[in-house]
Amino acid sequence: MHRRIVQSFLDVVILLELRKHPFSGDDVISFVHNKFHISLSSDTVHSCLRDLERDELVKGEGTRGKTVYTLTEQGKERARAFLNAKDKILGLVLNLFVDA
């Protein structure tokens, strides 16, 4: 279940972490492993990064054979929106399990 939740919210995890510093797909894999103790495939992470880039929430730039991602202005706004809705999101997730 833990893995499923992290994968479902991977885009949010990436956007919120990118507020702090730029990173590559490999950095995302390491971060998720260290923070959540799960291993994600590079395909999963790179697919999510491509989707975020397509939606113009992140921008990737190639340096030394790898792509490093940063937030766009739209990405910063989306990250702020997630943070502002944090209590509502937590309430929704809790409601999923109240009557379960």
N, C-alpha and C. Protein backbone atom coordinates (compact mmCIF):
# COMPACT_ATOMS: atom_id res chain seq x y z
N MET A 1 0.83 -1.19 0.00
CA MET A 1 0.00 0.00 0.00
C MET A 1 0.87 1.26 0.00
N HIS A 2 1.94 1.23 0.79
CA HIS A 2 2.86 2.36 0.90
C HIS A 2 3.41 2.73 -0.48
N ARG A 3 3.86 1.71 -1.21
CA ARG A 3 4.42 1.91 -2.54
C ARG A 3 3.37 2.52 -3.48
N ARG A 4 2.16 2.01 -3.41
CA ARG A 4 1.09 2.49 -4.28
C ARG A 4 0.79 3.97 -4.04
N ILE A 5 0.77 4.37 -2.78
CA ILE A 5 0.50 5.78 -2.45
C ILE A 5 1.62 6.67 -2.98
N VAL A 6 2.86 6.27 -2.75
CA VAL A 6 3.99 7.07 -3.24
C VAL A 6 3.95 7.18 -4.76
N GLN A 7 3.70 6.08 -5.44
CA GLN A 7 3.64 6.12 -6.90
C GLN A 7 2.47 6.99 -7.38
N SER A 8 1.36 6.93 -6.68
CA SER A 8 0.19 7.72 -7.08
C SER A 8 0.44 9.22 -6.92
N PHE A 9 1.26 9.58 -5.94
CA PHE A 9 1.54 10.98 -5.67
C PHE A 9 2.96 11.37 -6.08
N LEU A 10 3.58 10.59 -6.96
CA LEU A 10 4.97 10.85 -7.35
C LEU A 10 5.13 12.24 -7.96
N ASP A 11 4.18 12.67 -8.76
CA ASP A 11 4.28 14.00 -9.35
C ASP A 11 4.31 15.08 -8.27
N VAL A 12 3.50 14.91 -7.24
CA VAL A 12 3.47 15.87 -6.14
C VAL A 12 4.79 15.82 -5.38
N VAL A 13 5.29 14.63 -5.10
CA VAL A 13 6.57 14.46 -4.41
C VAL A 13 7.66 15.20 -5.17
N ILE A 14 7.69 15.01 -6.48
CA ILE A 14 8.73 15.65 -7.31
C ILE A 14 8.59 17.16 -7.29
N LEU A 15 7.37 17.67 -7.49
CA LEU A 15 7.18 19.12 -7.49
C LEU A 15 7.57 19.75 -6.16
N LEU A 16 7.18 19.13 -5.07
CA LEU A 16 7.50 19.70 -3.76
C LEU A 16 9.00 19.66 -3.48
N GLU A 17 9.67 18.60 -3.90
CA GLU A 17 11.11 18.52 -3.67
C GLU A 17 11.88 19.48 -4.58
N LEU A 18 11.38 19.69 -5.79
CA LEU A 18 12.05 20.61 -6.70
C LEU A 18 11.97 22.06 -6.22
N ARG A 19 11.10 22.35 -5.28
CA ARG A 19 11.07 23.70 -4.70
C ARG A 19 12.39 23.99 -3.99
N LYS A 20 13.04 22.94 -3.50
CA LYS A 20 14.26 23.10 -2.71
C LYS A 20 15.52 23.16 -3.57
N HIS A 21 15.55 22.35 -4.63
CA HIS A 21 16.74 22.31 -5.48
C HIS A 21 16.45 21.50 -6.75
N PRO A 22 17.19 21.77 -7.82
CA PRO A 22 17.04 20.98 -9.05
C PRO A 22 17.59 19.57 -8.85
N PHE A 23 17.06 18.62 -9.62
CA PHE A 23 17.63 17.29 -9.58
C PHE A 23 17.29 16.50 -10.83
N SER A 24 17.98 15.38 -10.99
CA SER A 24 17.82 14.50 -12.15
C SER A 24 16.88 13.35 -11.80
N GLY A 25 16.55 12.53 -12.78
CA GLY A 25 15.74 11.35 -12.54
C GLY A 25 16.40 10.42 -11.54
N ASP A 26 17.71 10.24 -11.65
CA ASP A 26 18.43 9.40 -10.69
C ASP A 26 18.35 9.97 -9.28
N ASP A 27 18.37 11.30 -9.18
CA ASP A 27 18.23 11.94 -7.87
C ASP A 27 16.85 11.67 -7.28
N VAL A 28 15.82 11.65 -8.13
CA VAL A 28 14.46 11.34 -7.67
C VAL A 28 14.42 9.92 -7.11
N ILE A 29 15.00 8.99 -7.85
CA ILE A 29 15.03 7.59 -7.41
C ILE A 29 15.70 7.47 -6.04
N SER A 30 16.84 8.13 -5.87
CA SER A 30 17.57 8.11 -4.59
C SER A 30 16.75 8.77 -3.48
N PHE A 31 16.15 9.91 -3.79
CA PHE A 31 15.36 10.62 -2.79
C PHE A 31 14.19 9.77 -2.30
N VAL A 32 13.44 9.18 -3.24
CA VAL A 32 12.29 8.35 -2.88
C VAL A 32 12.74 7.14 -2.07
N HIS A 33 13.85 6.55 -2.47
CA HIS A 33 14.37 5.39 -1.74
C HIS A 33 14.75 5.77 -0.30
N ASN A 34 15.45 6.89 -0.15
CA ASN A 34 15.91 7.32 1.17
C ASN A 34 14.76 7.78 2.06
N LYS A 35 13.80 8.48 1.49
CA LYS A 35 12.70 9.03 2.29
C LYS A 35 11.60 8.02 2.57
N PHE A 36 11.24 7.22 1.56
CA PHE A 36 10.08 6.33 1.68
C PHE A 36 10.45 4.85 1.74
N HIS A 37 11.74 4.54 1.55
CA HIS A 37 12.24 3.17 1.62
C HIS A 37 11.60 2.25 0.57
N ILE A 38 11.39 2.81 -0.62
CA ILE A 38 10.92 1.99 -1.74
C ILE A 38 11.78 2.30 -2.95
N SER A 39 11.89 1.32 -3.82
CA SER A 39 12.66 1.48 -5.04
C SER A 39 11.71 1.63 -6.22
N LEU A 40 11.93 2.68 -6.97
CA LEU A 40 11.14 2.92 -8.18
C LEU A 40 12.02 2.66 -9.39
N SER A 41 11.42 2.18 -10.45
CA SER A 41 12.19 1.97 -11.67
C SER A 41 12.47 3.32 -12.34
N SER A 42 13.53 3.36 -13.10
CA SER A 42 13.85 4.60 -13.81
C SER A 42 12.76 4.91 -14.82
N ASP A 43 12.11 3.89 -15.39
CA ASP A 43 11.01 4.12 -16.33
C ASP A 43 9.86 4.86 -15.66
N THR A 44 9.52 4.46 -14.45
CA THR A 44 8.43 5.11 -13.70
C THR A 44 8.76 6.58 -13.46
N VAL A 45 9.96 6.84 -12.98
CA VAL A 45 10.37 8.20 -12.65
C VAL A 45 10.48 9.06 -13.91
N HIS A 46 11.12 8.55 -14.93
CA HIS A 46 11.30 9.34 -16.15
C HIS A 46 9.97 9.59 -16.87
N SER A 47 9.06 8.66 -16.78
CA SER A 47 7.73 8.86 -17.36
C SER A 47 7.02 10.01 -16.64
N CYS A 48 7.11 10.03 -15.33
CA CYS A 48 6.50 11.09 -14.55
C CYS A 48 7.15 12.44 -14.86
N LEU A 49 8.47 12.47 -14.96
CA LEU A 49 9.17 13.71 -15.29
C LEU A 49 8.79 14.21 -16.68
N ARG A 50 8.66 13.29 -17.63
CA ARG A 50 8.23 13.68 -18.99
C ARG A 50 6.83 14.28 -18.96
N ASP A 51 5.94 13.67 -18.19
CA ASP A 51 4.57 14.20 -18.08
C ASP A 51 4.59 15.60 -17.46
N LEU A 52 5.39 15.79 -16.41
CA LEU A 52 5.49 17.10 -15.78
C LEU A 52 6.08 18.13 -16.75
N GLU A 53 7.03 17.70 -17.56
CA GLU A 53 7.63 18.61 -18.53
C GLU A 53 6.64 18.94 -19.65
N ARG A 54 5.90 17.94 -20.10
CA ARG A 54 4.88 18.16 -21.13
C ARG A 54 3.81 19.15 -20.64
N ASP A 55 3.50 19.06 -19.34
CA ASP A 55 2.50 19.96 -18.75
C ASP A 55 3.09 21.31 -18.37
N GLU A 56 4.38 21.50 -18.70
CA GLU A 56 5.11 22.74 -18.47
C GLU A 56 5.22 23.11 -16.98
N LEU A 57 5.31 22.07 -16.14
CA LEU A 57 5.50 22.28 -14.71
C LEU A 57 6.96 22.20 -14.32
N VAL A 58 7.76 21.48 -15.11
CA VAL A 58 9.20 21.41 -14.91
C VAL A 58 9.89 21.64 -16.25
N LYS A 59 11.15 22.01 -16.15
CA LYS A 59 11.97 22.18 -17.35
C LYS A 59 13.24 21.37 -17.16
N GLY A 60 13.56 20.54 -18.16
CA GLY A 60 14.76 19.74 -18.10
C GLY A 60 15.85 20.32 -18.98
N GLU A 61 17.07 20.32 -18.46
CA GLU A 61 18.23 20.77 -19.23
C GLU A 61 19.32 19.72 -19.10
N GLY A 62 19.88 19.33 -20.25
CA GLY A 62 20.94 18.33 -20.26
C GLY A 62 22.27 18.90 -19.85
N THR A 63 22.89 18.22 -18.88
CA THR A 63 24.24 18.59 -18.45
C THR A 63 25.01 17.31 -18.18
N ARG A 64 26.18 17.21 -18.74
CA ARG A 64 27.08 16.06 -18.53
C ARG A 64 26.37 14.72 -18.66
N GLY A 65 25.59 14.56 -19.71
CA GLY A 65 24.98 13.27 -19.99
C GLY A 65 23.72 12.96 -19.21
N LYS A 66 23.23 13.90 -18.40
CA LYS A 66 21.96 13.65 -17.71
C LYS A 66 21.13 14.93 -17.75
N THR A 67 19.84 14.75 -17.56
CA THR A 67 18.92 15.88 -17.57
C THR A 67 18.62 16.29 -16.14
N VAL A 68 18.78 17.57 -15.87
CA VAL A 68 18.49 18.13 -14.55
C VAL A 68 17.23 18.98 -14.68
N TYR A 69 16.30 18.78 -13.75
CA TYR A 69 15.01 19.43 -13.82
C TYR A 69 14.88 20.54 -12.78
N THR A 70 14.19 21.60 -13.17
CA THR A 70 13.85 22.70 -12.29
C THR A 70 12.37 23.01 -12.46
N LEU A 71 11.79 23.70 -11.49
CA LEU A 71 10.39 24.10 -11.60
C LEU A 71 10.23 25.30 -12.52
N THR A 72 9.17 25.30 -13.28
CA THR A 72 8.78 26.49 -14.03
C THR A 72 7.90 27.33 -13.10
N GLU A 73 7.50 28.49 -13.56
CA GLU A 73 6.59 29.31 -12.75
C GLU A 73 5.27 28.56 -12.52
N GLN A 74 4.78 27.87 -13.55
CA GLN A 74 3.56 27.08 -13.38
C GLN A 74 3.77 25.97 -12.35
N GLY A 75 4.94 25.36 -12.36
CA GLY A 75 5.27 24.32 -11.41
C GLY A 75 5.31 24.85 -9.99
N LYS A 76 5.86 26.05 -9.82
CA LYS A 76 5.90 26.67 -8.50
C LYS A 76 4.48 26.95 -7.99
N GLU A 77 3.62 27.42 -8.89
CA GLU A 77 2.23 27.68 -8.53
C GLU A 77 1.52 26.39 -8.14
N ARG A 78 1.75 25.32 -8.91
CA ARG A 78 1.11 24.03 -8.61
C ARG A 78 1.59 23.49 -7.27
N ALA A 79 2.89 23.62 -6.99
CA ALA A 79 3.43 23.16 -5.70
C ALA A 79 2.79 23.94 -4.55
N ARG A 80 2.65 25.25 -4.72
CA ARG A 80 1.99 26.06 -3.69
C ARG A 80 0.54 25.64 -3.50
N ALA A 81 -0.13 25.32 -4.61
CA ALA A 81 -1.53 24.88 -4.53
C ALA A 81 -1.64 23.57 -3.75
N PHE A 82 -0.73 22.64 -3.98
CA PHE A 82 -0.74 21.39 -3.22
C PHE A 82 -0.52 21.65 -1.74
N LEU A 83 0.43 22.52 -1.43
CA LEU A 83 0.69 22.83 -0.02
C LEU A 83 -0.51 23.49 0.64
N ASN A 84 -1.18 24.38 -0.10
CA ASN A 84 -2.36 25.06 0.44
C ASN A 84 -3.53 24.09 0.63
N ALA A 85 -3.57 23.03 -0.17
CA ALA A 85 -4.67 22.06 -0.09
C ALA A 85 -4.31 20.84 0.75
N LYS A 86 -3.19 20.89 1.42
CA LYS A 86 -2.67 19.73 2.18
C LYS A 86 -3.72 19.15 3.13
N ASP A 87 -4.37 20.00 3.91
CA ASP A 87 -5.36 19.50 4.88
C ASP A 87 -6.55 18.84 4.18
N LYS A 88 -6.98 19.40 3.07
CA LYS A 88 -8.09 18.81 2.31
C LYS A 88 -7.69 17.45 1.73
N ILE A 89 -6.47 17.37 1.23
CA ILE A 89 -5.98 16.11 0.66
C ILE A 89 -5.88 15.05 1.75
N LEU A 90 -5.34 15.41 2.90
CA LEU A 90 -5.24 14.46 4.01
C LEU A 90 -6.62 13.99 4.45
N GLY A 91 -7.57 14.92 4.51
CA GLY A 91 -8.93 14.56 4.88
C GLY A 91 -9.55 13.60 3.90
N LEU A 92 -9.32 13.83 2.62
CA LEU A 92 -9.85 12.94 1.58
C LEU A 92 -9.27 11.54 1.72
N VAL A 93 -7.96 11.46 1.92
CA VAL A 93 -7.31 10.15 2.06
C VAL A 93 -7.84 9.44 3.32
N LEU A 94 -7.98 10.16 4.40
CA LEU A 94 -8.52 9.54 5.63
C LEU A 94 -9.96 9.05 5.42
N ASN A 95 -10.76 9.82 4.70
CA ASN A 95 -12.15 9.42 4.43
C ASN A 95 -12.22 8.13 3.62
N LEU A 96 -11.23 7.87 2.81
CA LEU A 96 -11.22 6.63 2.04
C LEU A 96 -11.20 5.41 2.95
N PHE A 97 -10.62 5.56 4.14
CA PHE A 97 -10.43 4.42 5.02
C PHE A 97 -11.36 4.41 6.23
N VAL A 98 -12.13 5.45 6.44
CA VAL A 98 -13.01 5.53 7.61
C VAL A 98 -14.06 4.43 7.59
N ASP A 99 -14.74 4.23 6.49
CA ASP A 99 -15.81 3.23 6.41
C ASP A 99 -15.31 1.91 5.81
N ALA A 100 -14.03 1.82 5.58
CA ALA A 100 -13.49 0.61 4.93
C ALA A 100 -13.47 -0.57 5.87
